[in-house]
Protein backbone atom coordinates (compact mmCIF):
# COMPACT_ATOMS: atom_id res chain seq x y z
CA MET A 1 20.80 15.81 0.90
CA LYS A 2 23.90 13.76 1.64
CA LEU A 3 26.13 12.81 -1.31
CA VAL A 4 27.55 9.36 -0.61
CA LYS A 5 30.05 7.49 -2.79
CA THR A 6 29.83 3.70 -2.58
CA PHE A 7 33.46 3.20 -3.56
CA GLY A 8 36.88 4.47 -2.51
CA ARG A 9 37.29 6.10 0.87
CA GLY A 10 33.52 6.45 1.33
CA LYS A 11 32.74 2.75 0.86
CA ALA A 12 32.62 1.76 4.53
CA ALA A 13 30.29 4.63 5.47
CA ALA A 14 28.12 3.92 2.44
CA ASP A 15 27.84 0.23 3.35
CA ALA A 16 26.74 1.12 6.87
CA LEU A 17 24.16 3.59 5.58
CA ILE A 18 22.76 1.12 3.05
CA GLU A 19 22.49 -1.56 5.72
CA SER A 20 20.54 0.81 7.96
CA LEU A 21 18.20 1.67 5.09
CA GLU A 22 17.56 -2.02 4.51
CA GLN A 23 16.30 -2.28 8.11
CA ARG A 24 14.20 0.87 7.95
CA GLY A 25 10.73 -0.69 8.18
CA ALA A 26 11.21 -2.80 11.29
CA VAL A 27 13.32 -0.21 13.10
CA ASN A 28 10.89 2.65 12.48
CA THR A 29 7.73 0.85 13.58
CA ALA A 30 9.50 -0.57 16.64
CA ARG A 31 9.96 2.99 17.91
CA VAL A 32 6.22 3.51 18.26
CA ALA A 33 5.10 -0.06 19.01
CA PRO A 34 4.70 0.33 22.82
CA VAL A 35 2.35 3.32 22.44
CA VAL A 36 0.40 1.60 19.69
CA GLN A 37 0.02 -1.62 21.69
CA ARG A 38 -1.45 0.36 24.57
CA ILE A 39 -4.01 2.09 22.31
CA LEU A 40 -4.99 -1.18 20.63
CA ALA A 41 -5.48 -2.92 23.96
CA GLU A 42 -7.54 -0.08 25.39
CA VAL A 43 -9.88 0.14 22.39
CA ARG A 44 -10.26 -3.63 22.34
CA ARG A 45 -11.17 -3.65 26.03
CA GLY A 46 -13.10 -0.39 26.25
CA GLY A 47 -14.78 -0.22 22.85
CA ASP A 48 -16.54 3.06 22.06
CA ARG A 49 -15.51 4.67 25.33
CA ALA A 50 -11.83 4.30 24.52
CA LEU A 51 -12.37 5.08 20.84
CA LEU A 52 -14.11 8.36 21.67
CA LYS A 53 -11.41 9.22 24.18
CA TYR A 54 -8.65 8.88 21.60
CA ALA A 55 -10.72 10.48 18.82
CA SER A 56 -11.17 13.50 21.08
CA LYS A 57 -7.51 13.56 22.12
CA PHE A 58 -5.85 12.98 18.73
CA ASP A 59 -8.49 13.59 16.05
CA GLY A 60 -10.15 16.74 17.36
CA LEU A 61 -13.56 15.11 17.72
CA ALA A 62 -15.83 17.61 19.51
CA LYS A 63 -17.88 16.59 22.51
CA GLY A 64 -21.20 15.19 21.32
CA GLU A 65 -20.02 15.06 17.68
CA SER A 66 -20.96 11.84 15.89
CA LEU A 67 -18.20 9.49 14.81
CA LEU A 68 -20.25 8.68 11.73
CA VAL A 69 -20.14 11.14 8.83
CA SER A 70 -23.67 11.53 7.50
CA PRO A 71 -24.68 11.20 3.83
CA GLU A 72 -25.88 14.81 4.01
CA GLU A 73 -22.41 15.99 5.01
CA MET A 74 -20.82 14.09 2.14
CA LYS A 75 -23.32 15.46 -0.38
CA ALA A 76 -22.89 19.02 0.91
CA ALA A 77 -19.12 18.63 0.54
CA TRP A 78 -19.53 17.48 -3.06
CA ASP A 79 -21.95 20.30 -3.87
CA SER A 80 -19.52 22.90 -2.49
CA THR A 81 -16.55 21.49 -4.43
CA SER A 82 -15.42 23.47 -7.46
CA PRO A 83 -16.33 22.06 -10.89
CA LYS A 84 -12.60 21.89 -11.69
CA LEU A 85 -11.89 19.62 -8.72
CA GLN A 86 -15.05 17.60 -9.32
CA ALA A 87 -13.86 16.94 -12.88
CA ALA A 88 -10.40 15.91 -11.66
CA MET A 89 -11.91 13.49 -9.14
CA MET A 90 -14.14 11.96 -11.81
CA VAL A 91 -11.20 11.46 -14.19
CA ALA A 92 -9.13 9.90 -11.41
CA ARG A 93 -11.95 7.59 -10.35
CA GLY A 94 -12.58 6.55 -13.94
CA ASN A 95 -8.95 5.59 -14.51
CA ILE A 96 -8.68 3.76 -11.16
CA LEU A 97 -11.88 1.89 -12.01
CA ALA A 98 -10.67 0.86 -15.47
CA PHE A 99 -7.31 -0.31 -14.13
CA ALA A 100 -8.95 -2.35 -11.35
CA GLU A 101 -11.35 -3.96 -13.81
CA ALA A 102 -8.39 -5.00 -16.00
CA GLN A 103 -6.69 -6.52 -12.94
CA LEU A 104 -9.61 -8.72 -11.86
CA PRO A 105 -8.58 -12.38 -11.74
CA ARG A 106 -10.69 -14.67 -13.89
CA GLU A 107 -12.43 -17.93 -13.11
CA TRP A 108 -11.29 -20.96 -15.11
CA THR A 109 -11.41 -24.75 -15.33
CA ILE A 110 -8.98 -27.25 -16.83
CA SER A 111 -9.14 -31.03 -17.26
CA PRO A 112 -5.70 -32.58 -16.60
CA VAL A 113 -7.10 -36.03 -17.43
CA GLU A 114 -10.49 -37.23 -18.59
CA GLY A 115 -12.94 -37.33 -15.70
CA VAL A 116 -11.10 -34.74 -13.61
CA LYS A 117 -11.80 -31.02 -13.53
CA THR A 118 -9.82 -28.48 -11.54
CA GLY A 119 -10.09 -24.72 -11.51
CA GLN A 120 -10.70 -21.60 -9.52
CA ILE A 121 -13.59 -19.37 -8.57
CA VAL A 122 -13.26 -15.75 -7.42
CA ARG A 123 -15.20 -14.31 -4.49
CA ALA A 124 -15.11 -10.84 -2.96
CA LEU A 125 -14.23 -10.24 0.68
CA GLY A 126 -17.24 -9.56 2.88
CA SER A 127 -16.03 -6.31 4.41
CA VAL A 128 -13.01 -4.03 4.25
CA GLY A 129 -11.83 -0.96 6.12
CA CYS A 130 -10.16 1.78 4.09
CA TYR A 131 -7.84 4.05 6.06
CA VAL A 132 -7.48 7.56 4.62
CA PRO A 133 -4.87 9.79 6.29
CA GLY A 134 -6.02 13.28 7.17
CA GLY A 135 -3.32 14.84 9.29
CA ARG A 136 -1.21 17.27 7.27
CA TYR A 137 -3.15 17.26 4.02
CA PRO A 138 -6.59 16.27 2.77
CA LEU A 139 -6.21 13.10 0.71
CA PRO A 140 -9.31 12.54 -1.42
CA SER A 141 -7.07 10.63 -3.83
CA THR A 142 -6.43 7.96 -1.20
CA LEU A 143 -10.15 7.52 -0.61
CA LEU A 144 -10.64 6.90 -4.33
CA MET A 145 -7.61 4.57 -4.49
CA THR A 146 -8.83 2.35 -1.65
CA VAL A 147 -12.60 2.37 -2.13
CA THR A 148 -12.77 2.01 -5.92
CA PRO A 149 -10.95 -1.34 -6.34
CA ALA A 150 -12.96 -2.75 -3.41
CA GLN A 151 -16.13 -1.82 -5.29
CA VAL A 152 -14.83 -3.37 -8.52
CA ALA A 153 -14.10 -6.57 -6.58
CA GLY A 154 -17.69 -6.63 -5.28
CA VAL A 155 -17.04 -6.08 -1.55
CA SER A 156 -20.46 -5.64 0.06
CA ARG A 157 -19.43 -3.52 3.09
CA ILE A 158 -16.81 -0.81 2.73
CA VAL A 159 -15.85 1.27 5.77
CA VAL A 160 -13.79 4.47 5.58
CA CYS A 161 -11.91 5.92 8.56
CA SER A 162 -10.21 9.31 8.37
CA PRO A 163 -9.27 11.79 11.13
CA LYS A 164 -10.76 15.27 10.80
CA PRO A 165 -11.98 14.51 7.27
CA ALA A 166 -11.61 17.51 5.00
CA ARG A 167 -14.36 18.71 2.68
CA GLU A 168 -12.42 17.32 -0.29
CA THR A 169 -12.24 13.86 1.27
CA MET A 170 -15.95 13.85 2.07
CA ALA A 171 -16.66 15.00 -1.49
CA ALA A 172 -14.66 12.07 -2.85
CA ALA A 173 -16.64 9.77 -0.56
CA TRP A 174 -19.90 11.08 -2.02
CA LEU A 175 -18.59 10.57 -5.57
CA ALA A 176 -17.56 7.00 -4.72
CA GLY A 177 -20.87 6.21 -3.04
CA VAL A 178 -19.42 5.52 0.43
CA LYS A 179 -22.09 4.52 2.94
CA GLU A 180 -20.05 4.12 6.15
CA PHE A 181 -17.53 6.84 6.96
CA TYR A 182 -16.08 7.51 10.45
CA ARG A 183 -14.16 10.60 11.56
CA VAL A 184 -11.45 8.77 13.46
CA GLY A 185 -7.82 8.03 12.66
CA GLY A 186 -4.54 6.71 14.00
CA ALA A 187 -4.03 3.45 15.84
CA GLN A 188 -7.47 3.86 17.43
CA ALA A 189 -9.17 3.63 14.02
CA ILE A 190 -7.19 0.51 13.15
CA ALA A 191 -8.20 -1.03 16.49
CA ALA A 192 -11.89 -0.27 15.93
CA MET A 193 -11.88 -1.75 12.43
CA ALA A 194 -9.94 -4.83 13.53
CA TYR A 195 -11.76 -5.61 16.81
CA GLY A 196 -15.08 -3.84 16.42
CA THR A 197 -17.00 -1.62 18.85
CA ALA A 198 -20.68 -0.98 19.48
CA THR A 199 -20.57 1.78 16.87
CA MET A 200 -18.28 0.17 14.32
CA GLU A 201 -18.59 -3.49 13.35
CA ARG A 202 -15.25 -5.19 12.68
CA VAL A 203 -14.04 -5.75 9.11
CA ASP A 204 -12.35 -8.68 7.41
CA LYS A 205 -9.40 -6.67 6.09
CA ILE A 206 -7.84 -3.21 6.52
CA VAL A 207 -6.14 -1.37 3.66
CA GLY A 208 -4.58 2.03 3.15
CA PRO A 209 -1.48 4.07 3.97
CA GLY A 210 -0.64 5.90 7.17
CA ASN A 211 2.06 7.22 9.44
CA LEU A 212 4.26 5.08 11.66
CA TYR A 213 1.52 4.66 14.27
CA VAL A 214 -1.01 3.47 11.70
CA THR A 215 1.52 1.18 10.05
CA ALA A 216 2.58 -0.34 13.37
CA ALA A 217 -1.08 -0.82 14.35
CA LYS A 218 -1.87 -2.63 11.10
CA MET A 219 1.06 -4.98 11.61
CA LEU A 220 0.05 -5.70 15.20
CA VAL A 221 -3.58 -6.59 14.35
CA ALA A 222 -2.60 -8.69 11.32
CA SER A 223 -2.95 -11.96 13.24
CA GLU A 224 -6.68 -11.34 13.68
CA CYS A 225 -7.63 -9.08 10.78
CA GLY A 226 -6.28 -9.17 7.25
CA ILE A 227 -4.15 -6.22 6.12
CA ASP A 228 -2.81 -5.22 2.74
CA MET A 229 0.81 -4.32 3.60
CA PRO A 230 2.92 -1.89 5.60
CA ALA A 231 2.28 1.35 3.67
CA GLY A 232 4.03 3.83 5.90
CA PRO A 233 5.90 7.07 5.29
CA THR A 234 6.63 7.72 1.61
CA GLU A 235 9.73 6.42 -0.17
CA ILE A 236 11.16 7.55 -3.48
CA VAL A 237 14.18 6.28 -5.38
CA VAL A 238 15.26 7.73 -8.71
CA THR A 239 17.81 5.56 -10.50
CA SER A 240 19.12 7.53 -13.43
CA GLU A 241 22.14 8.12 -15.64
CA THR A 242 20.65 10.63 -18.06
CA GLY A 243 17.77 12.27 -16.21
CA ASP A 244 16.96 15.96 -16.21
CA ALA A 245 18.25 17.35 -12.91
CA ALA A 246 15.33 19.74 -12.47
CA GLY A 247 12.78 16.98 -13.06
CA VAL A 248 14.53 14.52 -10.76
CA ALA A 249 14.77 17.12 -8.02
CA ALA A 250 11.10 18.01 -8.44
CA ASP A 251 10.07 14.40 -7.85
CA LEU A 252 12.31 14.15 -4.79
CA VAL A 253 10.88 17.34 -3.30
CA ALA A 254 7.30 16.37 -4.18
CA GLN A 255 7.47 13.05 -2.34
CA ALA A 256 9.52 14.53 0.52
CA GLU A 257 6.73 16.98 1.36
CA HIS A 258 4.44 14.09 2.40
CA ASP A 259 6.10 13.44 5.74
CA PRO A 260 9.27 14.30 7.71
CA GLU A 261 9.99 10.55 7.69
CA THR A 262 10.06 10.33 3.87
CA LEU A 263 13.01 8.49 2.34
CA ALA A 264 14.24 10.31 -0.78
CA VAL A 265 17.12 8.82 -2.77
CA LEU A 266 18.92 9.31 -6.07
CA ILE A 267 21.14 6.47 -7.28
CA THR A 268 23.49 7.10 -10.19
CA SER A 269 27.01 6.44 -11.43
CA ASN A 270 26.95 9.95 -12.97
CA GLU A 271 28.46 12.19 -10.31
CA ALA A 272 27.78 15.33 -12.33
CA LEU A 273 24.07 14.47 -12.36
CA ALA A 274 24.11 13.85 -8.60
CA ARG A 275 25.64 17.25 -7.90
CA ALA A 276 23.24 19.00 -10.29
CA VAL A 277 20.28 17.32 -8.58
CA ALA A 278 21.61 18.34 -5.16
CA ALA A 279 21.72 21.98 -6.26
CA GLU A 280 18.23 21.79 -7.75
CA VAL A 281 16.80 20.16 -4.62
CA LYS A 282 18.21 22.94 -2.48
CA THR A 283 16.57 25.56 -4.67
CA GLN A 284 13.23 23.81 -5.15
CA ALA A 285 12.78 22.91 -1.47
CA ARG A 286 12.96 26.53 -0.35
CA GLY A 287 9.75 27.48 1.39
CA ASN A 288 8.66 23.82 1.73
CA ALA A 289 9.33 23.15 5.41
CA ILE A 290 8.36 19.47 5.51
CA ALA A 291 10.31 18.64 2.35
CA LYS A 292 13.38 20.43 3.70
CA GLN A 293 13.13 18.52 6.96
CA SER A 294 12.83 15.08 5.40
CA LEU A 295 15.48 15.74 2.74
CA ALA A 296 17.92 16.91 5.41
CA ALA A 297 17.24 13.86 7.57
CA GLN A 298 16.78 11.05 5.03
CA GLY A 299 17.77 12.48 1.65
CA CYS A 300 20.65 10.60 -0.02
CA LEU A 301 22.50 10.94 -3.31
CA PHE A 302 24.33 7.66 -3.92
CA VAL A 303 27.11 7.78 -6.49
CA THR A 304 28.08 4.24 -7.52
CA ALA A 305 31.15 2.97 -9.33
CA THR A 306 29.11 1.41 -12.15
CA VAL A 307 25.64 1.40 -13.66
CA ARG A 308 25.26 -2.23 -12.63
CA GLU A 309 25.97 -1.35 -9.02
CA ALA A 310 23.30 1.35 -9.16
CA GLN A 311 20.80 -1.22 -10.38
CA GLU A 312 21.73 -3.72 -7.68
CA LEU A 313 21.47 -1.07 -4.95
CA THR A 314 18.02 -0.09 -6.21
CA ASN A 315 16.76 -3.66 -5.89
CA ARG A 316 18.30 -3.95 -2.43
CA LEU A 317 16.35 -0.92 -1.24
CA ALA A 318 13.08 -2.16 -2.83
CA PRO A 319 11.53 1.32 -2.86
CA GLU A 320 7.88 2.26 -2.78
CA HIS A 321 8.20 4.59 -5.81
CA LEU A 322 10.93 4.09 -8.41
CA THR A 323 11.78 6.24 -11.43
CA VAL A 324 14.04 4.91 -14.21
CA ASP A 325 15.25 6.40 -17.48
CA THR A 326 13.78 4.13 -20.18
CA THR A 327 11.63 1.03 -20.72
CA ALA A 328 14.88 -0.94 -21.16
CA ASP A 329 15.48 -0.43 -17.43
CA LEU A 330 12.42 -2.50 -16.62
CA ARG A 331 14.46 -5.62 -17.44
CA TRP A 332 16.60 -5.24 -14.33
CA VAL A 333 13.91 -3.96 -11.92
CA GLU A 334 13.03 -6.72 -9.45
CA ASN A 335 11.81 -4.95 -6.31
CA ALA A 336 9.58 -1.86 -6.31
CA GLY A 337 6.05 -0.84 -5.47
CA SER A 338 5.41 1.14 -8.66
CA VAL A 339 7.75 2.14 -11.49
CA PHE A 340 7.73 5.39 -13.46
CA VAL A 341 9.54 5.48 -16.78
CA GLY A 342 11.19 8.52 -18.34
CA GLU A 343 11.30 12.24 -17.67
CA TYR A 344 7.66 12.81 -18.66
CA ALA A 345 6.26 10.47 -15.98
CA PRO A 346 6.36 12.46 -12.73
CA GLN A 347 5.51 10.33 -9.74
CA SER A 348 2.72 12.75 -8.84
CA MET A 349 0.71 11.47 -11.83
CA GLY A 350 0.64 8.06 -10.15
CA ASP A 351 -0.45 9.69 -6.92
CA TYR A 352 -3.57 11.03 -8.57
CA VAL A 353 -4.84 10.11 -12.01
CA SER A 354 -2.92 7.41 -13.88
CA GLY A 355 -5.02 4.51 -12.59
CA PRO A 356 -2.50 2.18 -10.89
CA ASN A 357 -2.89 2.36 -7.13
CA HIS A 358 -0.86 4.79 -5.04
CA VAL A 359 -1.12 2.64 -1.89
CA LEU A 360 2.28 0.97 -2.14
CA PRO A 361 4.59 -1.20 -0.01
CA THR A 362 7.21 0.53 2.12
CA GLY A 363 10.00 -0.71 4.37
CA ARG A 364 11.39 -3.05 1.65
CA VAL A 365 8.11 -4.96 1.44
CA GLY A 366 8.45 -4.32 -2.30
CA ARG A 367 10.63 -7.45 -2.24
CA VAL A 368 7.51 -9.60 -1.84
CA ARG A 369 4.55 -7.69 -3.29
CA GLY A 370 3.46 -4.73 -5.38
CA GLY A 371 0.90 -2.07 -4.62
CA LEU A 372 -2.74 -2.33 -3.57
CA SER A 373 -4.88 -3.85 -6.29
CA VAL A 374 -8.26 -5.41 -6.89
CA MET A 375 -6.65 -8.75 -5.92
CA ASP A 376 -6.43 -7.49 -2.32
CA PHE A 377 -10.22 -7.53 -2.16
CA VAL A 378 -10.94 -11.01 -3.51
CA LYS A 379 -10.32 -14.63 -2.59
CA VAL A 380 -9.26 -17.11 -5.26
CA ILE A 381 -10.82 -20.43 -4.25
CA THR A 382 -9.73 -23.65 -5.92
CA VAL A 383 -12.25 -26.27 -7.05
CA GLN A 384 -11.83 -30.00 -7.83
CA GLN A 385 -14.35 -32.40 -9.35
CA TYR A 386 -13.97 -36.14 -10.20
CA THR A 387 -16.06 -38.68 -12.01
CA ARG A 388 -15.77 -42.36 -11.03
CA ALA A 389 -13.62 -42.97 -14.11
CA GLY A 390 -11.40 -40.01 -13.26
CA LEU A 391 -10.91 -41.22 -9.70
CA LYS A 392 -9.93 -44.69 -10.97
CA LYS A 393 -7.23 -43.08 -13.13
CA MET A 394 -5.78 -40.73 -10.53
CA GLY A 395 -6.68 -42.50 -7.29
CA PRO A 396 -3.87 -45.08 -7.32
CA HIS A 397 -1.28 -42.27 -7.42
CA ALA A 398 -2.88 -40.55 -4.45
CA ILE A 399 -2.97 -43.87 -2.56
CA ALA A 400 0.72 -44.43 -3.26
CA LEU A 401 1.65 -41.01 -1.94
CA ALA A 402 -0.59 -41.37 1.13
CA GLU A 403 0.92 -44.77 2.02
CA ALA A 404 4.42 -43.40 1.54
CA GLU A 405 3.58 -40.74 4.13
CA GLY A 406 2.06 -43.29 6.49
CA LEU A 407 -1.40 -41.72 6.30
CA LYS A 408 -3.58 -44.82 6.03
CA GLY A 409 -6.84 -42.91 6.42
CA HIS A 410 -6.00 -40.74 3.43
CA ALA A 411 -5.34 -43.81 1.31
CA GLU A 412 -8.56 -45.49 2.44
CA SER A 413 -10.69 -42.40 1.72
CA VAL A 414 -9.67 -42.79 -1.93
CA ARG A 415 -9.74 -46.60 -2.03
CA VAL A 416 -13.27 -46.89 -0.62
CA ARG A 417 -14.62 -44.86 -3.54
CA MET A 418 -12.84 -46.97 -6.15
CA ARG A 419 -14.45 -50.33 -5.22
């Protein structure tokens, strides 16, 4: 990991590095956009033929093998899963379920004046596609994180796509009651879910994390199919003055092992802590090839002149995962996907069993939204109702505004009901 001071002789280099990190999302996906555009166009034009071609080329789909995972395969996977892992999956699903239920928006009505009622109703999306990565590691946790809140929201059709789905992922699908599961991944899976093929009917919205190709594909189909957010390669920032070096390093290494593109950062004004963490990271990353690769390429230890500067830099980076020292730090946190507080809250707990979703915004999208939630699977629809008396009270104000805008038809549509 690089140790970078944001003051003194290192300031200019630090400023340039920070500026590049602020552009990370757009720059990274731009690298793969031409390839992704070609795959999307081919699947859109060629349907199943193109989908099978890419599933065979990139996902290891055998000739004659069905894209659709059967219920029998999912049940067999669950039955062959150890009781220990079954119990862990059930605990995780229970906590995700409870958290999503607590997040559900409510329906309500108010009466701003007598004779007028306004409010909102909540309706589930009709269909969603849940992308579950399956390249380097099996990710049953991601299946539970994407499917469960959709079920809580009441989505009637839930599709799962995952390349080379592992037994653990299929077991999680059985536990969650998944009915439609396809063994396809990458940009080709995003294309199929967004545009539809003879085998796979299109969905209203696509959610879930993925590599740069998946993230770029989601962004490119967003004009025709809803998406949750760019949720690309993992990001971790630890902003700490008093943290335990071994614990901080463990979180950095843990997130870095996800992907060679992982961004792993410590921000502190405590130089001694930064150097201790650097030593710990070096020790703990031994034997973890992917973590070593990402930490060497994107690992940064920022030493700031002040605590305030450390806080400001954290918000500028808007990280996917953020760890802070105490609950008092929450007062200054503005931009982050999910926040972990204190030395006894390893980020891995959020990846698996805490309940809040681990599908989180990357590429500084934490400036505008948090992680995946039950709200991503519902529509909040506003409702307005007037009595004649209510319209007589409020109508003249609407007429005045309509006439000020020169919209005579708007004014008349109110006036004709007030006669």
